[in-house]
Amino acid sequence: MEPITPGGFDSADIQANKGMGVIAYILFFVPLIAAKESRFAMYHANQGLTLFLAFVICNVVLGIIPVIGWIVLPFANLGLLVLMVLGIATAAQGQAKPLPLIGAYTLIR
């Protein structure tokens, strides 16, 4: 029996799917296709999907709002880019921490 990490993920699963966890923040659907049996990859795919939806919502809403939205949009995108880098770093370290602000939502089970 493999050791279980504090987050409830199998350590062998984490080691085998760190790359998928990293890819999930860039292209969230890749782990859904290539590593659908991995709880670790699915966790990061969920985080990646949530981040993608945050990008889309911010860009649509702030893009519609004249002047103020156009001024705020680059800062919102920069903040979401920081969240993406945090997620990539977390996955590369083999950890499963939720992203700040948006990580509490579960869209993929």
Protein backbone atom coordinates (compact mmCIF):
# COMPACT_ATOMS: atom_id res chain seq x y z
CA MET A 1 0.00 0.00 0.00
CA GLU A 2 1.32 3.43 -0.99
CA PRO A 3 1.68 6.21 1.58
CA ILE A 4 -1.07 8.80 1.56
CA THR A 5 -0.14 12.50 1.70
CA PRO A 6 -1.91 14.90 4.11
CA GLY A 7 -4.21 16.07 1.29
CA GLY A 8 -5.40 12.49 0.77
CA PHE A 9 -3.50 12.00 -2.49
CA ASP A 10 -1.49 8.87 -3.18
CA SER A 11 2.24 9.72 -3.31
CA ALA A 12 2.73 7.47 -6.37
CA ASP A 13 -0.11 9.33 -8.12
CA ILE A 14 1.53 12.65 -7.30
CA GLN A 15 4.93 11.57 -8.63
CA ALA A 16 3.45 10.13 -11.81
CA ASN A 17 1.23 13.15 -12.56
CA LYS A 18 3.17 16.26 -11.51
CA GLY A 19 3.56 17.16 -15.18
CA MET A 20 -0.17 16.85 -15.77
CA GLY A 21 -0.76 19.06 -12.75
CA VAL A 22 1.48 21.74 -14.25
CA ILE A 23 -0.12 21.45 -17.69
CA ALA A 24 -3.57 21.81 -16.11
CA TYR A 25 -2.95 25.50 -15.45
CA ILE A 26 -2.06 26.15 -19.09
CA LEU A 27 -4.51 23.79 -20.86
CA PHE A 28 -6.96 22.50 -18.24
CA PHE A 29 -8.54 19.93 -20.57
CA VAL A 30 -5.34 17.92 -21.21
CA PRO A 31 -5.43 16.12 -17.81
CA LEU A 32 -9.14 15.49 -18.34
CA ILE A 33 -8.21 13.42 -21.39
CA ALA A 34 -4.78 12.01 -20.52
CA ALA A 35 -4.96 11.45 -16.75
CA LYS A 36 -8.62 11.09 -15.85
CA GLU A 37 -7.85 8.35 -13.30
CA SER A 38 -5.49 10.60 -11.29
CA ARG A 39 -7.05 12.45 -8.36
CA PHE A 40 -4.01 14.77 -8.24
CA ALA A 41 -4.27 15.71 -11.93
CA MET A 42 -8.05 16.17 -11.64
CA TYR A 43 -7.60 18.47 -8.64
CA HIS A 44 -5.26 20.70 -10.64
CA ALA A 45 -7.48 20.45 -13.74
CA ASN A 46 -10.32 21.80 -11.59
CA GLN A 47 -8.11 24.65 -10.40
CA GLY A 48 -7.03 25.33 -14.00
CA LEU A 49 -10.64 25.38 -15.23
CA THR A 50 -11.63 27.78 -12.44
CA LEU A 51 -8.69 30.02 -13.36
CA PHE A 52 -9.63 29.90 -17.06
CA LEU A 53 -13.22 30.89 -16.27
CA ALA A 54 -11.96 33.74 -14.09
CA PHE A 55 -9.84 34.96 -17.04
CA VAL A 56 -12.84 34.80 -19.39
CA ILE A 57 -15.24 36.51 -16.99
CA CYS A 58 -12.78 39.28 -16.11
CA ASN A 59 -11.95 39.97 -19.74
CA VAL A 60 -15.57 40.00 -20.90
CA VAL A 61 -16.95 42.08 -18.03
CA LEU A 62 -14.07 44.56 -17.81
CA GLY A 63 -13.84 44.76 -21.60
CA ILE A 64 -17.47 45.88 -21.79
CA ILE A 65 -17.14 48.59 -19.14
CA PRO A 66 -15.82 51.73 -20.84
CA VAL A 67 -12.71 53.51 -19.60
CA ILE A 68 -12.59 52.26 -15.98
CA GLY A 69 -12.91 48.63 -17.08
CA TRP A 70 -10.23 49.14 -19.70
CA ILE A 71 -7.90 50.62 -17.08
CA VAL A 72 -8.54 47.84 -14.54
CA LEU A 73 -8.35 44.98 -17.06
CA PRO A 74 -4.53 44.78 -17.32
CA PHE A 75 -4.22 44.67 -13.52
CA ALA A 76 -6.86 41.93 -13.28
CA ASN A 77 -5.03 39.92 -15.93
CA LEU A 78 -1.74 40.41 -14.09
CA GLY A 79 -3.33 39.17 -10.86
CA LEU A 80 -4.72 36.10 -12.63
CA LEU A 81 -1.30 35.48 -14.20
CA VAL A 82 0.20 35.51 -10.70
CA LEU A 83 -2.42 32.94 -9.63
CA MET A 84 -1.44 30.80 -12.63
CA VAL A 85 2.23 30.89 -11.63
CA LEU A 86 1.31 29.99 -8.03
CA GLY A 87 -0.73 27.03 -9.27
CA ILE A 88 2.08 25.82 -11.53
CA ALA A 89 4.59 26.08 -8.69
CA THR A 90 2.27 24.22 -6.31
CA ALA A 91 1.69 21.40 -8.80
CA ALA A 92 5.41 21.14 -9.59
CA GLN A 93 6.14 20.72 -5.87
CA GLY A 94 3.59 17.91 -5.63
CA GLN A 95 1.23 19.86 -3.41
CA ALA A 96 -2.51 20.40 -3.68
CA LYS A 97 -3.29 23.81 -2.24
CA PRO A 98 -6.28 25.81 -3.46
CA LEU A 99 -5.57 29.03 -5.32
CA PRO A 100 -6.22 32.21 -3.33
CA LEU A 101 -9.63 33.83 -3.95
CA ILE A 102 -10.88 31.35 -6.59
CA GLY A 103 -9.59 27.97 -5.42
CA ALA A 104 -12.55 27.05 -3.23
CA TYR A 105 -14.83 26.28 -6.18
CA THR A 106 -15.15 22.70 -7.38
CA LEU A 107 -16.29 22.38 -10.98
CA ILE A 108 -14.79 18.95 -11.78
CA ARG A 109 -15.27 15.96 -9.51
